[in-house]
Amino acid sequence: GDQPKVGIKEILSVLKMPTVWLIAVVILSGYCAYWGTFRFTSYASDIFLMSVTMAAALSVGKLWMKPIAALGAGIIADKLGIAKTIAFLFVVLFASFTLFALLPGLPSLLPVMIANVAVASLAIFAMRGIYFALLEEGGIPVVVTGTAAGIISVVGFTPDIFMPLLGGVLLDRFPGPDGYRYFFLTVAGICLIGLGATLLLCLKVTTKSK
């Protein structure tokens, strides 16, 4: 067909788009938060002394929330806008990971911890369900959408490389509650960076539509 060819010029034009980099930061931050959830099971057994079976049940329960969260996020994003919905989800995640960092491992606080796992999981799966829709909302030309998505994915999925390492290093160096505290606070900080990038995207979207 007469599909426009994507060459070096188009790739460079995509690399020059601030929106592309902002979306990459949003996805990177959201993906770091997703990696943060991988520590919930060991956190539940190490800090709250949950049995391995119960902690495993917790991580399976987390996955049940995927379809509910993605569907809910889609409906809300249609009403509020993608960037606004993601900004709200980053606020929820910041609060949730900060709470994980500050919660003392007392048996009486177990329900709070379980509820917090549910909140964080819902927010993360909701965000993962909609964050690539930022390409359209951010006004990235359809011709270069594939290239933009590729570049964004390369940056956005780098947490696969450093997040397991970060968790391992922190938990080795500071065994027990401190290691988890530093890990969850780091994730909360990354969520703030994601929130900043999302708010800048919100501004861009708003000024474009005016």
Foldseek 3Di string as FASTA:
>chain_A
DPADDDDPVNLVVLVPDVLLVLLLLLLQLLVLLVLLLVCQLVCCCQFLVDPNVVSVVLVVVLVVLLVVLQVVLVVVCVVVNLLVSSLVLLVQLLVLLQCSLPDHNDNVCVVVSSVSSNSSSSSSSNNVSCSLVLCVLLPPDPSCSVSSVVVSCVSSVCCVPPSVVQLVVLCVVPPGSRSSNVSSNVSSVSSVSSSVSSVVSVVSSVVVVD
